[in-house]
Amino acid sequence: MTARRLTVDDELTIITAAEHRERLLAALADGEGVRIDLAAVGDIDTAGLQLLLLARREGDRLHVPVEFVDPSPAVTEVLALTRLEL
């Protein structure tokens, strides 16, 4: 089983959340696992954080592994502020 890699290229905000949500749900529907590359995320807001939580919750619900890789400093900062671990 090979995990599908999704790359977030710039921002993970209210402006881009709907687009990323569609890509994420399609990848989860494949049932093969998803690796979400967060290295290039320059900006993340609460909508972006909600999307990451959705990824984890839906992966758990569907029994599909979800892995977050290479979180950018912006992602790391938001996770530290909210005391969340992905």
PDB file of N, CA and C in Angstrom:
ATOM      1  N   MET A   1       0.842  -1.172   0.000  1.00  0.00           N
ATOM      2  CA  MET A   1       0.000   0.000   0.000  1.00  0.00           C
ATOM      3  C   MET A   1       0.893   1.242   0.000  1.00  0.00           C
ATOM      4  N   THR A   2       0.656   2.139  -0.950  1.00  0.00           N
ATOM      5  CA  THR A   2       1.426   3.366  -1.063  1.00  0.00           C
ATOM      6  C   THR A   2       0.548   4.549  -0.697  1.00  0.00           C
ATOM      7  N   ALA A   3       1.035   5.360   0.219  1.00  0.00           N
ATOM      8  CA  ALA A   3       0.276   6.539   0.635  1.00  0.00           C
ATOM      9  C   ALA A   3       0.319   7.590  -0.468  1.00  0.00           C
ATOM     10  N   ARG A   4      -0.785   8.251  -0.637  1.00  0.00           N
ATOM     11  CA  ARG A   4      -0.867   9.351  -1.598  1.00  0.00           C
ATOM     12  C   ARG A   4      -0.303  10.602  -0.935  1.00  0.00           C
ATOM     13  N   ARG A   5       0.559  11.326  -1.645  1.00  0.00           N
ATOM     14  CA  ARG A   5       1.192  12.526  -1.092  1.00  0.00           C
ATOM     15  C   ARG A   5       0.448  13.763  -1.576  1.00  0.00           C
ATOM     16  N   LEU A   6       0.003  14.570  -0.635  1.00  0.00           N
ATOM     17  CA  LEU A   6      -0.613  15.859  -0.942  1.00  0.00           C
ATOM     18  C   LEU A   6       0.326  16.945  -0.452  1.00  0.00           C
ATOM     19  N   THR A   7       0.588  17.925  -1.301  1.00  0.00           N
ATOM     20  CA  THR A   7       1.469  19.023  -0.935  1.00  0.00           C
ATOM     21  C   THR A   7       0.661  20.304  -0.845  1.00  0.00           C
ATOM     22  N   VAL A   8       0.825  21.012   0.263  1.00  0.00           N
ATOM     23  CA  VAL A   8       0.213  22.332   0.425  1.00  0.00           C
ATOM     24  C   VAL A   8       1.296  23.337   0.065  1.00  0.00           C
ATOM     25  N   ASP A   9       1.099  24.049  -1.049  1.00  0.00           N
ATOM     26  CA  ASP A   9       2.163  24.864  -1.626  1.00  0.00           C
ATOM     27  C   ASP A   9       2.373  26.239  -1.009  1.00  0.00           C
ATOM     28  N   ASP A  10       1.352  26.869  -0.456  1.00  0.00           N
ATOM     29  CA  ASP A  10       1.571  28.223   0.035  1.00  0.00           C
ATOM     30  C   ASP A  10       0.843  28.482   1.342  1.00  0.00           C
ATOM     31  N   GLU A  11      -0.460  28.658   1.265  1.00  0.00           N
ATOM     32  CA  GLU A  11      -1.187  28.984   2.482  1.00  0.00           C
ATOM     33  C   GLU A  11      -2.274  27.962   2.756  1.00  0.00           C
ATOM     34  N   LEU A  12      -2.607  27.864   4.005  1.00  0.00           N
ATOM     35  CA  LEU A  12      -3.672  26.982   4.457  1.00  0.00           C
ATOM     36  C   LEU A  12      -4.607  27.873   5.270  1.00  0.00           C
ATOM     37  N   THR A  13      -5.434  28.620   4.538  1.00  0.00           N
ATOM     38  CA  THR A  13      -6.285  29.643   5.146  1.00  0.00           C
ATOM     39  C   THR A  13      -7.713  29.510   4.630  1.00  0.00           C
ATOM     40  N   ILE A  14      -8.567  30.369   5.122  1.00  0.00           N
ATOM     41  CA  ILE A  14      -9.965  30.386   4.692  1.00  0.00           C
ATOM     42  C   ILE A  14     -10.063  30.520   3.170  1.00  0.00           C
ATOM     43  N   ILE A  15      -9.103  31.185   2.571  1.00  0.00           N
ATOM     44  CA  ILE A  15      -9.115  31.417   1.124  1.00  0.00           C
ATOM     45  C   ILE A  15      -8.900  30.117   0.351  1.00  0.00           C
ATOM     46  N   THR A  16      -8.089  29.221   0.880  1.00  0.00           N
ATOM     47  CA  THR A  16      -7.737  27.994   0.157  1.00  0.00           C
ATOM     48  C   THR A  16      -8.327  26.724   0.773  1.00  0.00           C
ATOM     49  N   ALA A  17      -8.989  26.844   1.902  1.00  0.00           N
ATOM     50  CA  ALA A  17      -9.451  25.658   2.639  1.00  0.00           C
ATOM     51  C   ALA A  17     -10.394  24.779   1.823  1.00  0.00           C
ATOM     52  N   ALA A  18     -11.332  25.368   1.096  1.00  0.00           N
ATOM     53  CA  ALA A  18     -12.296  24.559   0.332  1.00  0.00           C
ATOM     54  C   ALA A  18     -11.587  23.716  -0.731  1.00  0.00           C
ATOM     55  N   GLU A  19     -10.642  24.321  -1.415  1.00  0.00           N
ATOM     56  CA  GLU A  19      -9.887  23.589  -2.450  1.00  0.00           C
ATOM     57  C   GLU A  19      -9.100  22.432  -1.826  1.00  0.00           C
ATOM     58  N   HIS A  20      -8.400  22.715  -0.740  1.00  0.00           N
ATOM     59  CA  HIS A  20      -7.617  21.668  -0.074  1.00  0.00           C
ATOM     60  C   HIS A  20      -8.521  20.585   0.506  1.00  0.00           C
ATOM     61  N   ARG A  21      -9.687  20.972   0.987  1.00  0.00           N
ATOM     62  CA  ARG A  21     -10.630  20.004   1.562  1.00  0.00           C
ATOM     63  C   ARG A  21     -11.064  18.987   0.505  1.00  0.00           C
ATOM     64  N   GLU A  22     -11.382  19.470  -0.690  1.00  0.00           N
ATOM     65  CA  GLU A  22     -11.787  18.565  -1.773  1.00  0.00           C
ATOM     66  C   GLU A  22     -10.675  17.582  -2.114  1.00  0.00           C
ATOM     67  N   ARG A  23      -9.453  18.085  -2.235  1.00  0.00           N
ATOM     68  CA  ARG A  23      -8.312  17.218  -2.546  1.00  0.00           C
ATOM     69  C   ARG A  23      -8.096  16.185  -1.441  1.00  0.00           C
ATOM     70  N   LEU A  24      -8.209  16.639  -0.205  1.00  0.00           N
ATOM     71  CA  LEU A  24      -8.003  15.754   0.933  1.00  0.00           C
ATOM     72  C   LEU A  24      -9.045  14.644   0.981  1.00  0.00           C
ATOM     73  N   LEU A  25     -10.304  15.005   0.855  1.00  0.00           N
ATOM     74  CA  LEU A  25     -11.371  14.000   0.924  1.00  0.00           C
ATOM     75  C   LEU A  25     -11.272  13.003  -0.228  1.00  0.00           C
ATOM     76  N   ALA A  26     -10.877  13.469  -1.410  1.00  0.00           N
ATOM     77  CA  ALA A  26     -10.686  12.561  -2.547  1.00  0.00           C
ATOM     78  C   ALA A  26      -9.547  11.582  -2.264  1.00  0.00           C
ATOM     79  N   ALA A  27      -8.468  12.083  -1.674  1.00  0.00           N
ATOM     80  CA  ALA A  27      -7.337  11.213  -1.354  1.00  0.00           C
ATOM     81  C   ALA A  27      -7.722  10.184  -0.290  1.00  0.00           C
ATOM     82  N   LEU A  28      -8.475  10.603   0.703  1.00  0.00           N
ATOM     83  CA  LEU A  28      -8.913   9.673   1.748  1.00  0.00           C
ATOM     84  C   LEU A  28      -9.842   8.606   1.187  1.00  0.00           C
ATOM     85  N   ALA A  29     -10.651   8.974   0.213  1.00  0.00           N
ATOM     86  CA  ALA A  29     -11.592   8.027  -0.392  1.00  0.00           C
ATOM     87  C   ALA A  29     -10.866   6.883  -1.099  1.00  0.00           C
ATOM     88  N   ASP A  30      -9.621   7.130  -1.532  1.00  0.00           N
ATOM     89  CA  ASP A  30      -8.830   6.070  -2.163  1.00  0.00           C
ATOM     90  C   ASP A  30      -8.525   4.936  -1.193  1.00  0.00           C
ATOM     91  N   GLY A  31      -8.491   5.254   0.095  1.00  0.00           N
ATOM     92  CA  GLY A  31      -8.260   4.241   1.113  1.00  0.00           C
ATOM     93  C   GLY A  31      -6.836   3.754   1.246  1.00  0.00           C
ATOM     94  N   GLU A  32      -5.895   4.434   0.609  1.00  0.00           N
ATOM     95  CA  GLU A  32      -4.510   3.965   0.586  1.00  0.00           C
ATOM     96  C   GLU A  32      -3.597   4.674   1.571  1.00  0.00           C
ATOM     97  N   GLY A  33      -4.093   5.640   2.281  1.00  0.00           N
ATOM     98  CA  GLY A  33      -3.245   6.433   3.169  1.00  0.00           C
ATOM     99  C   GLY A  33      -2.884   7.745   2.503  1.00  0.00           C
ATOM    100  N   VAL A  34      -2.648   8.746   3.328  1.00  0.00           N
ATOM    101  CA  VAL A  34      -2.350  10.084   2.828  1.00  0.00           C
ATOM    102  C   VAL A  34      -1.181  10.658   3.616  1.00  0.00           C
ATOM    103  N   ARG A  35      -0.197  11.185   2.891  1.00  0.00           N
ATOM    104  CA  ARG A  35       0.910  11.940   3.495  1.00  0.00           C
ATOM    105  C   ARG A  35       0.722  13.387   3.084  1.00  0.00           C
ATOM    106  N   ILE A  36       0.548  14.265   4.056  1.00  0.00           N
ATOM    107  CA  ILE A  36       0.306  15.680   3.779  1.00  0.00           C
ATOM    108  C   ILE A  36       1.592  16.443   4.067  1.00  0.00           C
ATOM    109  N   ASP A  37       2.195  16.977   3.001  1.00  0.00           N
ATOM    110  CA  ASP A  37       3.454  17.708   3.096  1.00  0.00           C
ATOM    111  C   ASP A  37       3.149  19.168   3.417  1.00  0.00           C
ATOM    112  N   LEU A  38       3.597  19.614   4.583  1.00  0.00           N
ATOM    113  CA  LEU A  38       3.307  20.968   5.059  1.00  0.00           C
ATOM    114  C   LEU A  38       4.532  21.878   5.037  1.00  0.00           C
ATOM    115  N   ALA A  39       5.593  21.470   4.338  1.00  0.00           N
ATOM    116  CA  ALA A  39       6.851  22.220   4.346  1.00  0.00           C
ATOM    117  C   ALA A  39       6.728  23.621   3.761  1.00  0.00           C
ATOM    118  N   ALA A  40       5.868  23.802   2.771  1.00  0.00           N
ATOM    119  CA  ALA A  40       5.783  25.094   2.082  1.00  0.00           C
ATOM    120  C   ALA A  40       4.666  25.992   2.606  1.00  0.00           C
ATOM    121  N   VAL A  41       4.023  25.605   3.699  1.00  0.00           N
ATOM    122  CA  VAL A  41       2.932  26.427   4.238  1.00  0.00           C
ATOM    123  C   VAL A  41       3.525  27.686   4.856  1.00  0.00           C
ATOM    124  N   GLY A  42       3.185  28.833   4.251  1.00  0.00           N
ATOM    125  CA  GLY A  42       3.680  30.109   4.755  1.00  0.00           C
ATOM    126  C   GLY A  42       2.719  30.781   5.704  1.00  0.00           C
ATOM    127  N   ASP A  43       1.443  30.418   5.612  1.00  0.00           N
ATOM    128  CA  ASP A  43       0.422  31.039   6.451  1.00  0.00           C
ATOM    129  C   ASP A  43      -0.649  30.000   6.747  1.00  0.00           C
ATOM    130  N   ILE A  44      -1.082  29.951   7.993  1.00  0.00           N
ATOM    131  CA  ILE A  44      -2.152  29.044   8.395  1.00  0.00           C
ATOM    132  C   ILE A  44      -3.043  29.783   9.389  1.00  0.00           C
ATOM    133  N   ASP A  45      -4.340  29.670   9.205  1.00  0.00           N
ATOM    134  CA  ASP A  45      -5.294  30.287  10.127  1.00  0.00           C
ATOM    135  C   ASP A  45      -6.189  29.202  10.718  1.00  0.00           C
ATOM    136  N   THR A  46      -7.253  29.609  11.395  1.00  0.00           N
ATOM    137  CA  THR A  46      -8.108  28.615  12.044  1.00  0.00           C
ATOM    138  C   THR A  46      -8.787  27.688  11.039  1.00  0.00           C
ATOM    139  N   ALA A  47      -9.083  28.185   9.850  1.00  0.00           N
ATOM    140  CA  ALA A  47      -9.672  27.317   8.822  1.00  0.00           C
ATOM    141  C   ALA A  47      -8.671  26.239   8.412  1.00  0.00           C
ATOM    142  N   GLY A  48      -7.412  26.616   8.301  1.00  0.00           N
ATOM    143  CA  GLY A  48      -6.376  25.643   7.980  1.00  0.00           C
ATOM    144  C   GLY A  48      -6.189  24.626   9.088  1.00  0.00           C
ATOM    145  N   LEU A  49      -6.226  25.099  10.318  1.00  0.00           N
ATOM    146  CA  LEU A  49      -6.115  24.194  11.456  1.00  0.00           C
ATOM    147  C   LEU A  49      -7.295  23.224  11.491  1.00  0.00           C
ATOM    148  N   GLN A  50      -8.483  23.726  11.226  1.00  0.00           N
ATOM    149  CA  GLN A  50      -9.662  22.856  11.170  1.00  0.00           C
ATOM    150  C   GLN A  50      -9.511  21.791  10.091  1.00  0.00           C
ATOM    151  N   LEU A  51      -8.909  22.160   8.974  1.00  0.00           N
ATOM    152  CA  LEU A  51      -8.713  21.199   7.894  1.00  0.00           C
ATOM    153  C   LEU A  51      -7.756  20.085   8.313  1.00  0.00           C
ATOM    154  N   LEU A  52      -6.700  20.437   9.031  1.00  0.00           N
ATOM    155  CA  LEU A  52      -5.777  19.410   9.519  1.00  0.00           C
ATOM    156  C   LEU A  52      -6.476  18.474  10.503  1.00  0.00           C
ATOM    157  N   LEU A  53      -7.308  19.034  11.359  1.00  0.00           N
ATOM    158  CA  LEU A  53      -8.067  18.203  12.302  1.00  0.00           C
ATOM    159  C   LEU A  53      -9.080  17.322  11.577  1.00  0.00           C
ATOM    160  N   LEU A  54      -9.699  17.865  10.526  1.00  0.00           N
ATOM    161  CA  LEU A  54     -10.620  17.073   9.703  1.00  0.00           C
ATOM    162  C   LEU A  54      -9.885  15.891   9.074  1.00  0.00           C
ATOM    163  N   ALA A  55      -8.683  16.149   8.569  1.00  0.00           N
ATOM    164  CA  ALA A  55      -7.897  15.077   7.955  1.00  0.00           C
ATOM    165  C   ALA A  55      -7.670  13.943   8.948  1.00  0.00           C
ATOM    166  N   ARG A  56      -7.271  14.306  10.158  1.00  0.00           N
ATOM    167  CA  ARG A  56      -7.015  13.287  11.182  1.00  0.00           C
ATOM    168  C   ARG A  56      -8.308  12.540  11.540  1.00  0.00           C
ATOM    169  N   ARG A  57      -9.388  13.280  11.760  1.00  0.00           N
ATOM    170  CA  ARG A  57     -10.660  12.664  12.166  1.00  0.00           C
ATOM    171  C   ARG A  57     -11.208  11.741  11.079  1.00  0.00           C
ATOM    172  N   GLU A  58     -11.200  12.213   9.833  1.00  0.00           N
ATOM    173  CA  GLU A  58     -11.727  11.395   8.737  1.00  0.00           C
ATOM    174  C   GLU A  58     -10.843  10.184   8.471  1.00  0.00           C
ATOM    175  N   GLY A  59      -9.540  10.365   8.587  1.00  0.00           N
ATOM    176  CA  GLY A  59      -8.646   9.221   8.447  1.00  0.00           C
ATOM    177  C   GLY A  59      -8.947   8.156   9.490  1.00  0.00           C
ATOM    178  N   ASP A  60      -9.141   8.592  10.725  1.00  0.00           N
ATOM    179  CA  ASP A  60      -9.485   7.644  11.795  1.00  0.00           C
ATOM    180  C   ASP A  60     -10.826   6.965  11.514  1.00  0.00           C
ATOM    181  N   ARG A  61     -11.798   7.752  11.093  1.00  0.00           N
ATOM    182  CA  ARG A  61     -13.135   7.210  10.837  1.00  0.00           C
ATOM    183  C   ARG A  61     -13.123   6.171   9.719  1.00  0.00           C
ATOM    184  N   LEU A  62     -12.320   6.443   8.680  1.00  0.00           N
ATOM    185  CA  LEU A  62     -12.255   5.555   7.518  1.00  0.00           C
ATOM    186  C   LEU A  62     -11.173   4.477   7.650  1.00  0.00           C
ATOM    187  N   HIS A  63     -10.433   4.517   8.751  1.00  0.00           N
ATOM    188  CA  HIS A  63      -9.316   3.586   8.967  1.00  0.00           C
ATOM    189  C   HIS A  63      -8.266   3.739   7.865  1.00  0.00           C
ATOM    190  N   VAL A  64      -8.009   4.993   7.502  1.00  0.00           N
ATOM    191  CA  VAL A  64      -7.007   5.329   6.494  1.00  0.00           C
ATOM    192  C   VAL A  64      -5.894   6.105   7.199  1.00  0.00           C
ATOM    193  N   PRO A  65      -4.651   5.643   7.109  1.00  0.00           N
ATOM    194  CA  PRO A  65      -3.570   6.362   7.775  1.00  0.00           C
ATOM    195  C   PRO A  65      -3.357   7.753   7.176  1.00  0.00           C
ATOM    196  N   VAL A  66      -3.191   8.730   8.052  1.00  0.00           N
ATOM    197  CA  VAL A  66      -2.893  10.106   7.649  1.00  0.00           C
ATOM    198  C   VAL A  66      -1.612  10.510   8.360  1.00  0.00           C
ATOM    199  N   GLU A  67      -0.646  10.988   7.591  1.00  0.00           N
ATOM    200  CA  GLU A  67       0.631  11.413   8.155  1.00  0.00           C
ATOM    201  C   GLU A  67       0.904  12.841   7.711  1.00  0.00           C
ATOM    202  N   PHE A  68       1.297  13.678   8.657  1.00  0.00           N
ATOM    203  CA  PHE A  68       1.680  15.055   8.358  1.00  0.00           C
ATOM    204  C   PHE A  68       3.198  15.102   8.365  1.00  0.00           C
ATOM    205  N   VAL A  69       3.792  15.585   7.265  1.00  0.00           N
ATOM    206  CA  VAL A  69       5.248  15.582   7.160  1.00  0.00           C
ATOM    207  C   VAL A  69       5.779  16.991   6.943  1.00  0.00           C
ATOM    208  N   ASP A  70       6.973  17.212   7.473  1.00  0.00           N
ATOM    209  CA  ASP A  70       7.727  18.452   7.291  1.00  0.00           C
ATOM    210  C   ASP A  70       6.920  19.716   7.588  1.00  0.00           C
ATOM    211  N   PRO A  71       6.341  19.855   8.776  1.00  0.00           N
ATOM    212  CA  PRO A  71       5.586  21.072   9.065  1.00  0.00           C
ATOM    213  C   PRO A  71       6.489  22.304   9.019  1.00  0.00           C
ATOM    214  N   SER A  72       6.002  23.329   8.367  1.00  0.00           N
ATOM    215  CA  SER A  72       6.745  24.585   8.266  1.00  0.00           C
ATOM    216  C   SER A  72       6.762  25.284   9.622  1.00  0.00           C
ATOM    217  N   PRO A  73       7.598  26.319   9.768  1.00  0.00           N
ATOM    218  CA  PRO A  73       7.586  27.088  11.016  1.00  0.00           C
ATOM    219  C   PRO A  73       6.203  27.662  11.339  1.00  0.00           C
ATOM    220  N   ALA A  74       5.454  28.081  10.331  1.00  0.00           N
ATOM    221  CA  ALA A  74       4.113  28.630  10.573  1.00  0.00           C
ATOM    222  C   ALA A  74       3.197  27.569  11.171  1.00  0.00           C
ATOM    223  N   VAL A  75       3.251  26.361  10.641  1.00  0.00           N
ATOM    224  CA  VAL A  75       2.418  25.269  11.151  1.00  0.00           C
ATOM    225  C   VAL A  75       2.862  24.893  12.562  1.00  0.00           C
ATOM    226  N   THR A  76       4.155  24.779  12.763  1.00  0.00           N
ATOM    227  CA  THR A  76       4.689  24.425  14.076  1.00  0.00           C
ATOM    228  C   THR A  76       4.277  25.444  15.128  1.00  0.00           C
ATOM    229  N   GLU A  77       4.311  26.722  14.768  1.00  0.00           N
ATOM    230  CA  GLU A  77       3.931  27.784  15.706  1.00  0.00           C
ATOM    231  C   GLU A  77       2.454  27.680  16.099  1.00  0.00           C
ATOM    232  N   VAL A  78       1.581  27.474  15.114  1.00  0.00           N
ATOM    233  CA  VAL A  78       0.148  27.358  15.408  1.00  0.00           C
ATOM    234  C   VAL A  78      -0.123  26.129  16.274  1.00  0.00           C
ATOM    235  N   LEU A  79       0.535  25.033  15.973  1.00  0.00           N
ATOM    236  CA  LEU A  79       0.343  23.829  16.784  1.00  0.00           C
ATOM    237  C   LEU A  79       0.821  24.051  18.218  1.00  0.00           C
ATOM    238  N   ALA A  80       1.932  24.754  18.383  1.00  0.00           N
ATOM    239  CA  ALA A  80       2.435  25.039  19.727  1.00  0.00           C
ATOM    240  C   ALA A  80       1.478  25.959  20.485  1.00  0.00           C
ATOM    241  N   LEU A  81       0.964  26.978  19.804  1.00  0.00           N
ATOM    242  CA  LEU A  81       0.036  27.915  20.448  1.00  0.00           C
ATOM    243  C   LEU A  81      -1.250  27.235  20.898  1.00  0.00           C
ATOM    244  N   THR A  82      -1.703  26.276  20.110  1.00  0.00           N
ATOM    245  CA  THR A  82      -2.960  25.589  20.423  1.00  0.00           C
ATOM    246  C   THR A  82      -2.745  24.312  21.235  1.00  0.00           C
ATOM    247  N   ARG A  83      -1.483  23.963  21.450  1.00  0.00           N
ATOM    248  CA  ARG A  83      -1.115  22.752  22.192  1.00  0.00           C
ATOM    249  C   ARG A  83      -1.698  21.491  21.559  1.00  0.00           C
ATOM    250  N   LEU A  84      -1.688  21.488  20.238  1.00  0.00           N
ATOM    251  CA  LEU A  84      -2.178  20.327  19.496  1.00  0.00           C
ATOM    252  C   LEU A  84      -1.012  19.546  18.921  1.00  0.00           C
ATOM    253  N   GLU A  85      -1.205  18.267  18.804  1.00  0.00           N
ATOM    254  CA  GLU A  85      -0.257  17.397  18.115  1.00  0.00           C
ATOM    255  C   GLU A  85      -1.009  16.688  17.013  1.00  0.00           C
ATOM    256  N   LEU A  86      -0.365  16.599  15.870  1.00  0.00           N
ATOM    257  CA  LEU A  86      -1.018  15.920  14.742  1.00  0.00           C
ATOM    258  C   LEU A  86      -0.427  14.554  14.522  1.00  0.00           C
TER     259      LEU A  86
END
